[in-house]
């Protein structure tokens, strides 16, 4: 079942789509920066016999942002990598329940990641990156923001799947 926001998704779905599209634009910018920095590093090392640690650090930062800022958009559009060898073969009400449980597990993972990330940053946030001196709280901010947005998207999908499950259950005459 596709739960990505469409014309009937309401204000929350449209808002999520706008936020995720903004995050996508930022991720594309980070991809361009990362590519330029890597080309700069390769050229500097091979042609000028120079290495710039700051470029590598910024490229890693851009890569981190790229991954975590695009994940919510992919989930929202149902374009993320999924292993559905079982769930695609379970029809009807049981398949719908499985999709609801699946989405609840995604949301639980997001919450655990955010909790663990916060605990990590309470300690690591006291330090800075070696080359540029960027505080770790800033360095890992794209990961936390991306995962927070992923949790919001997952909650949105879970609520939509639950509503669809309730409707299907009521239409079948069964009790939820």
C-alpha atoms as a PDB file:
ATOM      1  CA  UNK A   1       0.000   0.000   0.000  1.00  0.00           C
ATOM      2  CA  UNK A   2       1.384   3.353  -0.991  1.00  0.00           C
ATOM      3  CA  UNK A   3       1.060   5.900   1.791  1.00  0.00           C
ATOM      4  CA  UNK A   4       3.025   8.712   0.188  1.00  0.00           C
ATOM      5  CA  UNK A   5       1.203  12.036   0.218  1.00  0.00           C
ATOM      6  CA  UNK A   6      -1.045  12.675  -2.719  1.00  0.00           C
ATOM      7  CA  UNK A   7      -3.896  15.033  -3.430  1.00  0.00           C
ATOM      8  CA  UNK A   8      -5.893  13.612  -0.513  1.00  0.00           C
ATOM      9  CA  UNK A   9      -3.068  13.710   2.033  1.00  0.00           C
ATOM     10  CA  UNK A  10      -4.195  16.838   3.858  1.00  0.00           C
ATOM     11  CA  UNK A  11      -2.211  19.672   5.342  1.00  0.00           C
ATOM     12  CA  UNK A  12       0.205  17.451   7.273  1.00  0.00           C
ATOM     13  CA  UNK A  13       1.127  15.424   4.190  1.00  0.00           C
ATOM     14  CA  UNK A  14       1.667  18.552   2.111  1.00  0.00           C
ATOM     15  CA  UNK A  15       3.765  20.119   4.883  1.00  0.00           C
ATOM     16  CA  UNK A  16       5.878  16.975   5.164  1.00  0.00           C
ATOM     17  CA  UNK A  17       6.353  16.907   1.402  1.00  0.00           C
ATOM     18  CA  UNK A  18       7.545  20.536   1.454  1.00  0.00           C
ATOM     19  CA  UNK A  19       9.945  19.951   4.341  1.00  0.00           C
ATOM     20  CA  UNK A  20      11.323  16.798   2.731  1.00  0.00           C
ATOM     21  CA  UNK A  21      11.736  18.592  -0.598  1.00  0.00           C
ATOM     22  CA  UNK A  22      13.657  21.349   1.186  1.00  0.00           C
ATOM     23  CA  UNK A  23      15.857  18.689   2.814  1.00  0.00           C
ATOM     24  CA  UNK A  24      16.366  17.139  -0.630  1.00  0.00           C
ATOM     25  CA  UNK A  25      17.586  20.484  -1.977  1.00  0.00           C
ATOM     26  CA  UNK A  26      20.025  20.790   0.912  1.00  0.00           C
ATOM     27  CA  UNK A  27      21.201  17.218   0.320  1.00  0.00           C
ATOM     28  CA  UNK A  28      21.786  17.937  -3.373  1.00  0.00           C
ATOM     29  CA  UNK A  29      23.874  20.946  -2.385  1.00  0.00           C
ATOM     30  CA  UNK A  30      25.843  18.716  -0.031  1.00  0.00           C
ATOM     31  CA  UNK A  31      26.377  16.207  -2.845  1.00  0.00           C
ATOM     32  CA  UNK A  32      27.802  18.952  -5.038  1.00  0.00           C
ATOM     33  CA  UNK A  33      30.061  20.182  -2.237  1.00  0.00           C
ATOM     34  CA  UNK A  34      31.220  16.657  -1.455  1.00  0.00           C
ATOM     35  CA  UNK A  35      31.990  15.961  -5.111  1.00  0.00           C
ATOM     36  CA  UNK A  36      33.927  19.211  -5.495  1.00  0.00           C
ATOM     37  CA  UNK A  37      35.910  18.543  -2.324  1.00  0.00           C
ATOM     38  CA  UNK A  38      36.817  15.024  -3.389  1.00  0.00           C
ATOM     39  CA  UNK A  39      37.939  16.266  -6.813  1.00  0.00           C
ATOM     40  CA  UNK A  40      39.963  18.963  -5.058  1.00  0.00           C
ATOM     41  CA  UNK A  41      41.580  16.368  -2.803  1.00  0.00           C
ATOM     42  CA  UNK A  42      42.434  14.009  -5.673  1.00  0.00           C
ATOM     43  CA  UNK A  43      43.829  16.843  -7.760  1.00  0.00           C
ATOM     44  CA  UNK A  44      45.766  18.278  -4.835  1.00  0.00           C
ATOM     45  CA  UNK A  45      47.330  14.964  -3.934  1.00  0.00           C
ATOM     46  CA  UNK A  46      48.121  13.774  -7.444  1.00  0.00           C
ATOM     47  CA  UNK A  47      49.043  17.038  -9.161  1.00  0.00           C
ATOM     48  CA  UNK A  48      50.334  19.289  -6.400  1.00  0.00           C
ATOM     49  CA  UNK A  49      51.465  16.660  -3.904  1.00  0.00           C
ATOM     50  CA  UNK A  50      49.313  18.375  -1.253  1.00  0.00           C
ATOM     51  CA  UNK A  51      46.662  17.049   1.074  1.00  0.00           C
ATOM     52  CA  UNK A  52      44.029  19.139   2.772  1.00  0.00           C
ATOM     53  CA  UNK A  53      42.572  17.493   5.885  1.00  0.00           C
ATOM     54  CA  UNK A  54      39.865  20.152   6.096  1.00  0.00           C
ATOM     55  CA  UNK A  55      38.542  19.121   2.663  1.00  0.00           C
ATOM     56  CA  UNK A  56      38.227  15.505   3.713  1.00  0.00           C
ATOM     57  CA  UNK A  57      36.450  16.505   6.919  1.00  0.00           C
ATOM     58  CA  UNK A  58      33.983  18.701   5.028  1.00  0.00           C
ATOM     59  CA  UNK A  59      33.398  15.957   2.444  1.00  0.00           C
ATOM     60  CA  UNK A  60      32.531  13.520   5.243  1.00  0.00           C
ATOM     61  CA  UNK A  61      30.172  16.111   6.742  1.00  0.00           C
ATOM     62  CA  UNK A  62      28.477  16.565   3.363  1.00  0.00           C
ATOM     63  CA  UNK A  63      28.179  12.792   2.941  1.00  0.00           C
ATOM     64  CA  UNK A  64      26.613  12.480   6.373  1.00  0.00           C
ATOM     65  CA  UNK A  65      24.082  15.170   5.537  1.00  0.00           C
ATOM     66  CA  UNK A  66      23.375  13.659   2.131  1.00  0.00           C
ATOM     67  CA  UNK A  67      22.441  10.289   3.577  1.00  0.00           C
ATOM     68  CA  UNK A  68      20.364  11.455   6.515  1.00  0.00           C
ATOM     69  CA  UNK A  69      18.554  14.306   4.789  1.00  0.00           C
ATOM     70  CA  UNK A  70      17.378  12.207   1.828  1.00  0.00           C
ATOM     71  CA  UNK A  71      16.128   9.218   3.837  1.00  0.00           C
ATOM     72  CA  UNK A  72      12.899  10.943   5.014  1.00  0.00           C
ATOM     73  CA  UNK A  73      11.985  11.946   1.460  1.00  0.00           C
ATOM     74  CA  UNK A  74      12.567   8.419   0.195  1.00  0.00           C
ATOM     75  CA  UNK A  75      10.383   6.992   2.959  1.00  0.00           C
ATOM     76  CA  UNK A  76       7.679   9.580   2.336  1.00  0.00           C
ATOM     77  CA  UNK A  77       7.602   8.718  -1.373  1.00  0.00           C
ATOM     78  CA  UNK A  78       7.868   4.982  -0.632  1.00  0.00           C
ATOM     79  CA  UNK A  79      11.083   4.816  -2.685  1.00  0.00           C
ATOM     80  CA  UNK A  80      13.377   3.556   0.071  1.00  0.00           C
ATOM     81  CA  UNK A  81      15.112   0.205  -0.098  1.00  0.00           C
ATOM     82  CA  UNK A  82      12.801  -2.458   1.215  1.00  0.00           C
ATOM     83  CA  UNK A  83      12.914  -6.193   1.481  1.00  0.00           C
ATOM     84  CA  UNK A  84       9.344  -7.249   0.844  1.00  0.00           C
ATOM     85  CA  UNK A  85       9.774 -10.900  -0.039  1.00  0.00           C
ATOM     86  CA  UNK A  86       7.270 -11.803   2.690  1.00  0.00           C
ATOM     87  CA  UNK A  87       5.074  -8.727   3.021  1.00  0.00           C
ATOM     88  CA  UNK A  88       4.332  -8.494  -0.709  1.00  0.00           C
ATOM     89  CA  UNK A  89       2.975 -12.049  -0.661  1.00  0.00           C
ATOM     90  CA  UNK A  90       0.607 -11.652   2.273  1.00  0.00           C
ATOM     91  CA  UNK A  91      -2.735 -10.391   0.982  1.00  0.00           C
ATOM     92  CA  UNK A  92      -5.686  -8.804   2.671  1.00  0.00           C
ATOM     93  CA  UNK A  93      -6.029  -7.909   6.304  1.00  0.00           C
ATOM     94  CA  UNK A  94      -2.976  -9.879   7.439  1.00  0.00           C
ATOM     95  CA  UNK A  95      -0.815  -7.994   4.929  1.00  0.00           C
ATOM     96  CA  UNK A  96      -2.174  -4.677   6.142  1.00  0.00           C
ATOM     97  CA  UNK A  97      -1.424  -5.601   9.735  1.00  0.00           C
ATOM     98  CA  UNK A  98       2.095  -6.588   8.733  1.00  0.00           C
ATOM     99  CA  UNK A  99       2.646  -3.194   7.078  1.00  0.00           C
ATOM    100  CA  UNK A 100       1.411  -1.433  10.230  1.00  0.00           C
ATOM    101  CA  UNK A 101       3.778  -3.499  12.403  1.00  0.00           C
ATOM    102  CA  UNK A 102       6.604  -2.826   9.929  1.00  0.00           C
ATOM    103  CA  UNK A 103       6.048   0.917  10.114  1.00  0.00           C
ATOM    104  CA  UNK A 104       5.855   0.782  13.904  1.00  0.00           C
ATOM    105  CA  UNK A 105       9.248  -0.943  13.910  1.00  0.00           C
ATOM    106  CA  UNK A 106      10.696   1.779  11.676  1.00  0.00           C
ATOM    107  CA  UNK A 107       9.389   4.408  14.079  1.00  0.00           C
ATOM    108  CA  UNK A 108      10.829   2.501  17.050  1.00  0.00           C
ATOM    109  CA  UNK A 109      14.221   2.357  15.305  1.00  0.00           C
ATOM    110  CA  UNK A 110      14.106   6.111  14.699  1.00  0.00           C
ATOM    111  CA  UNK A 111      13.321   6.747  18.359  1.00  0.00           C
ATOM    112  CA  UNK A 112      16.151   4.462  19.510  1.00  0.00           C
ATOM    113  CA  UNK A 113      18.556   6.155  17.101  1.00  0.00           C
ATOM    114  CA  UNK A 114      17.566   9.595  18.373  1.00  0.00           C
ATOM    115  CA  UNK A 115      17.884   8.519  21.983  1.00  0.00           C
ATOM    116  CA  UNK A 116      21.288   6.903  21.357  1.00  0.00           C
ATOM    117  CA  UNK A 117      22.427   9.872  19.275  1.00  0.00           C
ATOM    118  CA  UNK A 118      21.470  12.266  22.031  1.00  0.00           C
ATOM    119  CA  UNK A 119      23.336  10.177  24.606  1.00  0.00           C
ATOM    120  CA  UNK A 120      26.361  10.066  22.281  1.00  0.00           C
ATOM    121  CA  UNK A 121      26.324  13.822  21.719  1.00  0.00           C
ATOM    122  CA  UNK A 122      26.112  14.565  25.430  1.00  0.00           C
ATOM    123  CA  UNK A 123      29.636  13.133  25.668  1.00  0.00           C
ATOM    124  CA  UNK A 124      31.051  13.740  22.182  1.00  0.00           C
ATOM    125  CA  UNK A 125      29.550  17.230  22.019  1.00  0.00           C
ATOM    126  CA  UNK A 126      32.282  18.439  24.328  1.00  0.00           C
ATOM    127  CA  UNK A 127      34.827  17.904  21.556  1.00  0.00           C
ATOM    128  CA  UNK A 128      35.417  19.309  18.086  1.00  0.00           C
ATOM    129  CA  UNK A 129      36.506  17.839  14.774  1.00  0.00           C
ATOM    130  CA  UNK A 130      40.274  17.667  14.358  1.00  0.00           C
ATOM    131  CA  UNK A 131      40.875  19.639  11.152  1.00  0.00           C
ATOM    132  CA  UNK A 132      38.318  22.443  11.300  1.00  0.00           C
ATOM    133  CA  UNK A 133      37.367  22.475  14.944  1.00  0.00           C
ATOM    134  CA  UNK A 134      33.646  22.125  14.204  1.00  0.00           C
ATOM    135  CA  UNK A 135      31.801  21.215  17.414  1.00  0.00           C
ATOM    136  CA  UNK A 136      30.538  17.632  17.224  1.00  0.00           C
ATOM    137  CA  UNK A 137      27.031  18.834  18.006  1.00  0.00           C
ATOM    138  CA  UNK A 138      27.098  20.802  14.740  1.00  0.00           C
ATOM    139  CA  UNK A 139      28.926  18.052  12.849  1.00  0.00           C
ATOM    140  CA  UNK A 140      26.311  15.413  13.677  1.00  0.00           C
ATOM    141  CA  UNK A 141      23.329  17.760  13.472  1.00  0.00           C
ATOM    142  CA  UNK A 142      22.305  16.612   9.940  1.00  0.00           C
ATOM    143  CA  UNK A 143      22.086  13.024  11.204  1.00  0.00           C
ATOM    144  CA  UNK A 144      19.868  13.970  14.124  1.00  0.00           C
ATOM    145  CA  UNK A 145      17.673  16.311  12.073  1.00  0.00           C
ATOM    146  CA  UNK A 146      17.340  13.743   9.305  1.00  0.00           C
ATOM    147  CA  UNK A 147      16.430  11.006  11.758  1.00  0.00           C
ATOM    148  CA  UNK A 148      13.954  13.288  13.519  1.00  0.00           C
ATOM    149  CA  UNK A 149      12.308  14.030  10.174  1.00  0.00           C
ATOM    150  CA  UNK A 150      12.385  10.315   9.342  1.00  0.00           C
ATOM    151  CA  UNK A 151      10.561   9.621  12.627  1.00  0.00           C
ATOM    152  CA  UNK A 152       7.909  12.234  11.774  1.00  0.00           C
ATOM    153  CA  UNK A 153       7.455  10.727   8.291  1.00  0.00           C
ATOM    154  CA  UNK A 154       7.251   7.243   9.794  1.00  0.00           C
ATOM    155  CA  UNK A 155       4.636   8.392  12.313  1.00  0.00           C
ATOM    156  CA  UNK A 156       2.655   9.987   9.482  1.00  0.00           C
ATOM    157  CA  UNK A 157       2.819   6.751   7.471  1.00  0.00           C
ATOM    158  CA  UNK A 158       1.879   4.701  10.538  1.00  0.00           C
ATOM    159  CA  UNK A 159      -1.185   6.860  11.174  1.00  0.00           C
ATOM    160  CA  UNK A 160      -2.246   6.612   7.520  1.00  0.00           C
ATOM    161  CA  UNK A 161      -1.736   2.844   7.470  1.00  0.00           C
ATOM    162  CA  UNK A 162      -3.679   2.508  10.735  1.00  0.00           C
ATOM    163  CA  UNK A 163      -6.549   4.576   9.344  1.00  0.00           C
ATOM    164  CA  UNK A 164      -6.599   2.453   6.177  1.00  0.00           C
ATOM    165  CA  UNK A 165      -6.545  -0.694   8.309  1.00  0.00           C
ATOM    166  CA  UNK A 166      -9.476   0.574  10.397  1.00  0.00           C
ATOM    167  CA  UNK A 167     -11.438   1.409   7.254  1.00  0.00           C
ATOM    168  CA  UNK A 168     -10.723  -1.988   5.720  1.00  0.00           C
ATOM    169  CA  UNK A 169     -11.638  -3.769   8.926  1.00  0.00           C
ATOM    170  CA  UNK A 170     -14.911  -1.877   9.218  1.00  0.00           C
ATOM    171  CA  UNK A 171     -15.695  -2.497   5.548  1.00  0.00           C
ATOM    172  CA  UNK A 172     -15.125  -6.231   6.062  1.00  0.00           C
ATOM    173  CA  UNK A 173     -17.450  -6.145   9.053  1.00  0.00           C
ATOM    174  CA  UNK A 174     -14.717  -7.287  11.446  1.00  0.00           C
ATOM    175  CA  UNK A 175     -13.810  -5.540  14.647  1.00  0.00           C
ATOM    176  CA  UNK A 176     -10.466  -3.704  14.760  1.00  0.00           C
END
